[in-house]
Amino acid sequence: MKRTWEYVLSITGVVIAAIFLIVTIITAIYLNSIDLKEMMDYSLMTDSEFSSSEVDMSIKFFMGLLWAGIISLVIALAGGLIAIFLLKGGKAKGAGILLIITGILTIFHVWPLIFFIVPGIMCLVRKPRETVEVIV
């Protein structure tokens, strides 16, 4: 059975995940290179609403979210590529399950989630057409 839409959506999901991964890595490297704590302390000198420990904790939380996003995108990239190869091999059910699991693991990024869940459902739901032989 031709599964063109599943291929197209899976490849699109992998490409989008790769783009998001590159952007997220660049953002994490940039934020590690500048001293955010010093910048935040300087900007909050006039406003004594936040303490230094609260600013430090929020910066660490944000960096943790960035790294969690990077890890989920790496898993999405690997899972999407494996699912594409499974689709090529004719194992649509296994590819569908892997695409759904991969989509769930990319919860930090909405677009790869959509482009993995939809073809995963399509792989599980679509049934091959039965050929009817007409005897004349």
N, C-alpha and C. Protein backbone atom coordinates (compact mmCIF):
# COMPACT_ATOMS: atom_id res chain seq x y z
N MET A 1 0.83 -1.17 0.00
CA MET A 1 0.00 0.00 0.00
C MET A 1 0.88 1.24 0.00
N LYS A 2 0.53 2.18 -0.84
CA LYS A 2 1.28 3.42 -0.89
C LYS A 2 0.92 4.28 0.31
N ARG A 3 1.91 4.71 0.99
CA ARG A 3 1.70 5.55 2.18
C ARG A 3 2.42 6.88 1.99
N THR A 4 2.05 7.56 0.92
CA THR A 4 2.72 8.80 0.55
C THR A 4 2.52 9.88 1.61
N TRP A 5 1.31 10.03 2.10
CA TRP A 5 1.04 11.09 3.08
C TRP A 5 1.77 10.83 4.39
N GLU A 6 1.88 9.58 4.77
CA GLU A 6 2.61 9.28 5.99
C GLU A 6 4.09 9.63 5.84
N TYR A 7 4.65 9.30 4.67
CA TYR A 7 6.05 9.67 4.40
C TYR A 7 6.23 11.19 4.44
N VAL A 8 5.36 11.89 3.74
CA VAL A 8 5.49 13.35 3.63
C VAL A 8 5.38 14.01 5.00
N LEU A 9 4.38 13.61 5.77
CA LEU A 9 4.20 14.21 7.10
C LEU A 9 5.33 13.83 8.05
N SER A 10 5.81 12.60 7.97
CA SER A 10 6.92 12.18 8.84
C SER A 10 8.20 12.91 8.49
N ILE A 11 8.49 13.04 7.21
CA ILE A 11 9.69 13.77 6.78
C ILE A 11 9.58 15.23 7.17
N THR A 12 8.38 15.82 7.03
CA THR A 12 8.19 17.21 7.43
C THR A 12 8.41 17.36 8.94
N GLY A 13 7.91 16.41 9.72
CA GLY A 13 8.14 16.44 11.17
C GLY A 13 9.61 16.34 11.53
N VAL A 14 10.35 15.49 10.83
CA VAL A 14 11.78 15.35 11.09
C VAL A 14 12.53 16.63 10.73
N VAL A 15 12.16 17.24 9.60
CA VAL A 15 12.82 18.49 9.18
C VAL A 15 12.52 19.61 10.18
N ILE A 16 11.27 19.72 10.60
CA ILE A 16 10.91 20.76 11.57
C ILE A 16 11.61 20.51 12.91
N ALA A 17 11.69 19.26 13.33
CA ALA A 17 12.39 18.94 14.57
C ALA A 17 13.88 19.28 14.46
N ALA A 18 14.47 19.05 13.30
CA ALA A 18 15.89 19.40 13.10
C ALA A 18 16.09 20.91 13.16
N ILE A 19 15.19 21.66 12.53
CA ILE A 19 15.29 23.13 12.57
C ILE A 19 15.13 23.63 13.99
N PHE A 20 14.12 23.12 14.71
CA PHE A 20 13.92 23.53 16.09
C PHE A 20 15.13 23.15 16.95
N LEU A 21 15.72 21.99 16.69
CA LEU A 21 16.89 21.55 17.45
C LEU A 21 18.06 22.51 17.25
N ILE A 22 18.31 22.90 16.02
CA ILE A 22 19.40 23.83 15.72
C ILE A 22 19.16 25.17 16.41
N VAL A 23 17.94 25.68 16.32
CA VAL A 23 17.62 26.97 16.94
C VAL A 23 17.74 26.89 18.47
N THR A 24 17.27 25.80 19.05
CA THR A 24 17.34 25.64 20.50
C THR A 24 18.77 25.50 20.99
N ILE A 25 19.60 24.79 20.24
CA ILE A 25 21.01 24.66 20.62
C ILE A 25 21.72 26.01 20.52
N ILE A 26 21.45 26.75 19.47
CA ILE A 26 22.05 28.08 19.33
C ILE A 26 21.62 28.98 20.48
N THR A 27 20.34 28.91 20.85
CA THR A 27 19.84 29.72 21.97
C THR A 27 20.51 29.32 23.27
N ALA A 28 20.66 28.03 23.52
CA ALA A 28 21.30 27.58 24.76
C ALA A 28 22.76 27.99 24.81
N ILE A 29 23.45 27.89 23.68
CA ILE A 29 24.86 28.30 23.65
C ILE A 29 24.99 29.80 23.87
N TYR A 30 24.10 30.58 23.26
CA TYR A 30 24.16 32.02 23.43
C TYR A 30 23.86 32.41 24.87
N LEU A 31 22.86 31.79 25.47
CA LEU A 31 22.52 32.14 26.85
C LEU A 31 23.57 31.66 27.84
N ASN A 32 24.33 30.62 27.50
CA ASN A 32 25.44 30.20 28.35
C ASN A 32 26.63 31.13 28.21
N SER A 33 26.77 31.75 27.04
CA SER A 33 27.94 32.60 26.82
C SER A 33 27.82 33.96 27.51
N ILE A 34 26.61 34.47 27.65
CA ILE A 34 26.45 35.75 28.34
C ILE A 34 26.17 35.47 29.81
N ASP A 35 26.50 36.42 30.64
CA ASP A 35 26.28 36.25 32.07
C ASP A 35 24.90 36.82 32.41
N LEU A 36 23.90 35.94 32.37
CA LEU A 36 22.53 36.38 32.62
C LEU A 36 22.32 36.87 34.04
N LYS A 37 22.96 36.20 35.00
CA LYS A 37 22.76 36.59 36.40
C LYS A 37 23.26 38.00 36.63
N GLU A 38 24.40 38.33 36.07
CA GLU A 38 24.95 39.68 36.24
C GLU A 38 24.05 40.71 35.56
N MET A 39 23.55 40.37 34.38
CA MET A 39 22.66 41.30 33.67
C MET A 39 21.36 41.51 34.44
N MET A 40 20.81 40.43 34.97
CA MET A 40 19.56 40.54 35.72
C MET A 40 19.78 41.31 37.02
N ASP A 41 20.90 41.08 37.72
CA ASP A 41 21.18 41.81 38.95
C ASP A 41 21.31 43.30 38.66
N TYR A 42 21.95 43.65 37.55
CA TYR A 42 22.12 45.06 37.20
C TYR A 42 20.78 45.70 36.87
N SER A 43 19.94 44.99 36.14
CA SER A 43 18.66 45.56 35.76
C SER A 43 17.68 45.62 36.93
N LEU A 44 17.87 44.78 37.92
CA LEU A 44 16.96 44.76 39.06
C LEU A 44 17.48 45.55 40.26
N MET A 45 18.61 46.28 40.07
CA MET A 45 19.15 47.06 41.17
C MET A 45 18.17 48.10 41.67
N THR A 46 17.46 48.71 40.76
CA THR A 46 16.52 49.74 41.16
C THR A 46 15.24 49.14 41.71
N ASP A 47 14.90 47.96 41.28
CA ASP A 47 13.68 47.29 41.73
C ASP A 47 14.05 46.18 42.71
N SER A 48 13.69 46.34 43.96
CA SER A 48 14.09 45.35 44.96
C SER A 48 13.00 44.30 45.17
N GLU A 49 12.18 44.04 44.15
CA GLU A 49 11.09 43.08 44.26
C GLU A 49 11.61 41.65 44.28
N PHE A 50 12.69 41.37 43.56
CA PHE A 50 13.24 40.02 43.48
C PHE A 50 14.60 39.97 44.17
N SER A 51 14.87 38.87 44.84
CA SER A 51 16.17 38.69 45.46
C SER A 51 17.11 38.03 44.45
N SER A 52 18.36 38.02 44.78
CA SER A 52 19.36 37.43 43.88
C SER A 52 19.16 35.93 43.74
N SER A 53 18.75 35.27 44.81
CA SER A 53 18.55 33.82 44.73
C SER A 53 17.34 33.47 43.86
N GLU A 54 16.30 34.31 43.88
CA GLU A 54 15.13 34.07 43.03
C GLU A 54 15.49 34.22 41.56
N VAL A 55 16.30 35.23 41.26
CA VAL A 55 16.74 35.44 39.87
C VAL A 55 17.60 34.27 39.42
N ASP A 56 18.50 33.81 40.27
CA ASP A 56 19.36 32.68 39.94
C ASP A 56 18.53 31.41 39.73
N MET A 57 17.53 31.20 40.56
CA MET A 57 16.68 30.03 40.44
C MET A 57 15.87 30.06 39.15
N SER A 58 15.36 31.22 38.77
CA SER A 58 14.58 31.31 37.53
C SER A 58 15.45 31.12 36.30
N ILE A 59 16.69 31.60 36.34
CA ILE A 59 17.61 31.39 35.22
C ILE A 59 17.94 29.90 35.09
N LYS A 60 18.18 29.23 36.21
CA LYS A 60 18.47 27.79 36.16
C LYS A 60 17.26 27.00 35.66
N PHE A 61 16.05 27.43 36.06
CA PHE A 61 14.84 26.76 35.59
C PHE A 61 14.69 26.91 34.09
N PHE A 62 14.93 28.12 33.57
CA PHE A 62 14.82 28.36 32.13
C PHE A 62 15.86 27.55 31.36
N MET A 63 17.07 27.48 31.86
CA MET A 63 18.11 26.69 31.18
C MET A 63 17.77 25.20 31.23
N GLY A 64 17.16 24.75 32.33
CA GLY A 64 16.71 23.37 32.40
C GLY A 64 15.63 23.06 31.38
N LEU A 65 14.72 24.00 31.18
CA LEU A 65 13.70 23.82 30.15
C LEU A 65 14.32 23.77 28.76
N LEU A 66 15.32 24.60 28.52
CA LEU A 66 16.01 24.57 27.22
C LEU A 66 16.65 23.21 26.98
N TRP A 67 17.34 22.68 27.99
CA TRP A 67 17.99 21.39 27.82
C TRP A 67 16.99 20.25 27.70
N ALA A 68 15.86 20.35 28.39
CA ALA A 68 14.81 19.34 28.23
C ALA A 68 14.25 19.38 26.81
N GLY A 69 14.11 20.58 26.26
CA GLY A 69 13.66 20.71 24.87
C GLY A 69 14.66 20.12 23.90
N ILE A 70 15.94 20.32 24.16
CA ILE A 70 16.98 19.76 23.28
C ILE A 70 16.94 18.23 23.33
N ILE A 71 16.81 17.67 24.52
CA ILE A 71 16.77 16.21 24.65
C ILE A 71 15.54 15.65 23.95
N SER A 72 14.38 16.31 24.12
CA SER A 72 13.17 15.80 23.47
C SER A 72 13.27 15.91 21.95
N LEU A 73 13.93 16.93 21.44
CA LEU A 73 14.08 17.06 19.99
C LEU A 73 15.05 16.03 19.42
N VAL A 74 16.08 15.69 20.17
CA VAL A 74 17.01 14.64 19.71
C VAL A 74 16.27 13.31 19.65
N ILE A 75 15.46 13.02 20.68
CA ILE A 75 14.66 11.80 20.67
C ILE A 75 13.67 11.81 19.51
N ALA A 76 13.06 12.98 19.26
CA ALA A 76 12.10 13.10 18.15
C ALA A 76 12.78 12.87 16.82
N LEU A 77 13.96 13.40 16.65
CA LEU A 77 14.70 13.22 15.41
C LEU A 77 15.03 11.74 15.18
N ALA A 78 15.52 11.08 16.21
CA ALA A 78 15.86 9.66 16.08
C ALA A 78 14.60 8.81 15.85
N GLY A 79 13.56 9.07 16.63
CA GLY A 79 12.33 8.30 16.48
C GLY A 79 11.66 8.51 15.14
N GLY A 80 11.68 9.75 14.64
CA GLY A 80 11.10 10.02 13.33
C GLY A 80 11.86 9.34 12.21
N LEU A 81 13.18 9.36 12.28
CA LEU A 81 13.97 8.70 11.24
C LEU A 81 13.78 7.18 11.25
N ILE A 82 13.73 6.61 12.44
CA ILE A 82 13.50 5.17 12.54
C ILE A 82 12.12 4.81 12.00
N ALA A 83 11.12 5.65 12.31
CA ALA A 83 9.75 5.39 11.83
C ALA A 83 9.68 5.50 10.31
N ILE A 84 10.41 6.41 9.72
CA ILE A 84 10.43 6.54 8.25
C ILE A 84 11.01 5.27 7.63
N PHE A 85 12.09 4.76 8.22
CA PHE A 85 12.68 3.53 7.69
C PHE A 85 11.76 2.33 7.90
N LEU A 86 11.01 2.32 9.00
CA LEU A 86 10.04 1.25 9.21
C LEU A 86 8.92 1.33 8.17
N LEU A 87 8.49 2.55 7.84
CA LEU A 87 7.47 2.72 6.80
C LEU A 87 7.98 2.22 5.46
N LYS A 88 9.23 2.53 5.16
CA LYS A 88 9.82 2.07 3.90
C LYS A 88 9.87 0.54 3.86
N GLY A 89 10.08 -0.10 5.01
CA GLY A 89 10.16 -1.55 5.08
C GLY A 89 8.80 -2.23 5.08
N GLY A 90 7.73 -1.46 5.11
CA GLY A 90 6.40 -2.03 5.06
C GLY A 90 5.79 -2.36 6.41
N LYS A 91 6.40 -1.90 7.48
CA LYS A 91 5.88 -2.16 8.82
C LYS A 91 5.15 -0.91 9.32
N ALA A 92 3.93 -0.73 8.81
CA ALA A 92 3.18 0.49 9.10
C ALA A 92 2.70 0.54 10.55
N LYS A 93 2.34 -0.58 11.12
CA LYS A 93 1.84 -0.58 12.49
C LYS A 93 2.94 -0.19 13.47
N GLY A 94 4.12 -0.77 13.31
CA GLY A 94 5.25 -0.40 14.18
C GLY A 94 5.66 1.05 14.01
N ALA A 95 5.65 1.52 12.76
CA ALA A 95 5.99 2.92 12.50
C ALA A 95 4.95 3.85 13.12
N GLY A 96 3.69 3.47 13.05
CA GLY A 96 2.63 4.29 13.63
C GLY A 96 2.76 4.41 15.13
N ILE A 97 3.04 3.30 15.79
CA ILE A 97 3.22 3.32 17.24
C ILE A 97 4.43 4.16 17.62
N LEU A 98 5.52 4.00 16.87
CA LEU A 98 6.73 4.78 17.14
C LEU A 98 6.50 6.27 16.90
N LEU A 99 5.75 6.62 15.86
CA LEU A 99 5.46 8.03 15.59
C LEU A 99 4.60 8.64 16.69
N ILE A 100 3.64 7.90 17.20
CA ILE A 100 2.81 8.43 18.29
C ILE A 100 3.63 8.62 19.56
N ILE A 101 4.48 7.65 19.88
CA ILE A 101 5.34 7.79 21.06
C ILE A 101 6.30 8.96 20.89
N THR A 102 6.86 9.10 19.70
CA THR A 102 7.76 10.22 19.42
C THR A 102 7.03 11.55 19.53
N GLY A 103 5.81 11.60 19.03
CA GLY A 103 5.02 12.82 19.14
C GLY A 103 4.73 13.20 20.57
N ILE A 104 4.45 12.20 21.40
CA ILE A 104 4.18 12.47 22.81
C ILE A 104 5.44 12.98 23.52
N LEU A 105 6.60 12.46 23.14
CA LEU A 105 7.85 12.88 23.77
C LEU A 105 8.27 14.29 23.36
N THR A 106 7.72 14.82 22.28
CA THR A 106 8.07 16.18 21.86
C THR A 106 7.03 17.17 22.37
N ILE A 107 6.66 17.03 23.61
CA ILE A 107 5.59 17.84 24.17
C ILE A 107 6.00 19.32 24.29
N PHE A 108 7.29 19.60 24.30
CA PHE A 108 7.75 20.98 24.42
C PHE A 108 7.57 21.77 23.13
N HIS A 109 7.44 21.09 22.01
CA HIS A 109 7.34 21.75 20.71
C HIS A 109 6.09 21.27 19.99
N VAL A 110 5.21 22.19 19.63
CA VAL A 110 3.90 21.82 19.11
C VAL A 110 3.97 21.31 17.67
N TRP A 111 4.73 21.95 16.81
CA TRP A 111 4.72 21.56 15.39
C TRP A 111 5.27 20.17 15.14
N PRO A 112 6.40 19.78 15.73
CA PRO A 112 6.81 18.38 15.54
C PRO A 112 5.80 17.41 16.13
N LEU A 113 5.16 17.79 17.23
CA LEU A 113 4.14 16.94 17.84
C LEU A 113 3.03 16.66 16.85
N ILE A 114 2.55 17.68 16.17
CA ILE A 114 1.47 17.53 15.19
C ILE A 114 1.93 16.66 14.02
N PHE A 115 3.13 16.93 13.53
CA PHE A 115 3.62 16.21 12.36
C PHE A 115 4.09 14.79 12.67
N PHE A 116 4.08 14.39 13.92
CA PHE A 116 4.35 12.99 14.26
C PHE A 116 3.08 12.25 14.67
N ILE A 117 2.18 12.91 15.36
CA ILE A 117 0.96 12.25 15.82
C ILE A 117 0.03 11.93 14.64
N VAL A 118 -0.15 12.88 13.72
CA VAL A 118 -1.08 12.67 12.60
C VAL A 118 -0.67 11.49 11.72
N PRO A 119 0.59 11.40 11.25
CA PRO A 119 0.92 10.21 10.44
C PRO A 119 0.94 8.92 11.27
N GLY A 120 1.20 9.04 12.58
CA GLY A 120 1.14 7.85 13.42
C GLY A 120 -0.27 7.28 13.48
N ILE A 121 -1.25 8.18 13.62
CA ILE A 121 -2.64 7.74 13.61
C ILE A 121 -3.03 7.20 12.24
N MET A 122 -2.56 7.86 11.19
CA MET A 122 -2.86 7.41 9.84
C MET A 122 -2.29 6.01 9.58
N CYS A 123 -1.10 5.74 10.10
CA CYS A 123 -0.50 4.41 9.92
C CYS A 123 -1.31 3.32 10.61
N LEU A 124 -1.88 3.65 11.75
CA LEU A 124 -2.64 2.65 12.49
C LEU A 124 -4.06 2.47 11.97
N VAL A 125 -4.63 3.52 11.41
CA VAL A 125 -6.04 3.49 11.03
C VAL A 125 -6.25 2.98 9.61
N ARG A 126 -5.42 3.42 8.68
CA ARG A 126 -5.62 3.05 7.28
C ARG A 126 -5.38 1.57 7.07
N LYS A 127 -6.30 0.96 6.40
CA LYS A 127 -6.20 -0.47 6.07
C LYS A 127 -5.92 -0.60 4.57
N PRO A 128 -5.13 -1.59 4.19
CA PRO A 128 -4.89 -1.79 2.76
C PRO A 128 -6.17 -2.25 2.06
N ARG A 129 -6.33 -1.76 0.86
CA ARG A 129 -7.50 -2.15 0.08
C ARG A 129 -7.35 -3.58 -0.40
N GLU A 130 -8.46 -4.28 -0.33
CA GLU A 130 -8.45 -5.65 -0.82
C GLU A 130 -8.77 -5.63 -2.29
N THR A 131 -8.01 -6.37 -3.05
CA THR A 131 -8.27 -6.45 -4.48
C THR A 131 -9.34 -7.50 -4.75
N VAL A 132 -10.27 -7.14 -5.56
CA VAL A 132 -11.37 -8.05 -5.91
C VAL A 132 -11.09 -8.58 -7.31
N GLU A 133 -11.04 -9.88 -7.40
CA GLU A 133 -10.82 -10.48 -8.71
C GLU A 133 -12.17 -10.78 -9.36
N VAL A 134 -12.30 -10.34 -10.56
CA VAL A 134 -13.53 -10.56 -11.31
C VAL A 134 -13.30 -11.73 -12.25
N ILE A 135 -14.09 -12.75 -12.12
CA ILE A 135 -13.98 -13.92 -13.00
C ILE A 135 -15.01 -13.78 -14.10
N VAL A 136 -14.52 -13.79 -15.33
CA VAL A 136 -15.42 -13.62 -16.48
C VAL A 136 -15.68 -14.93 -17.14
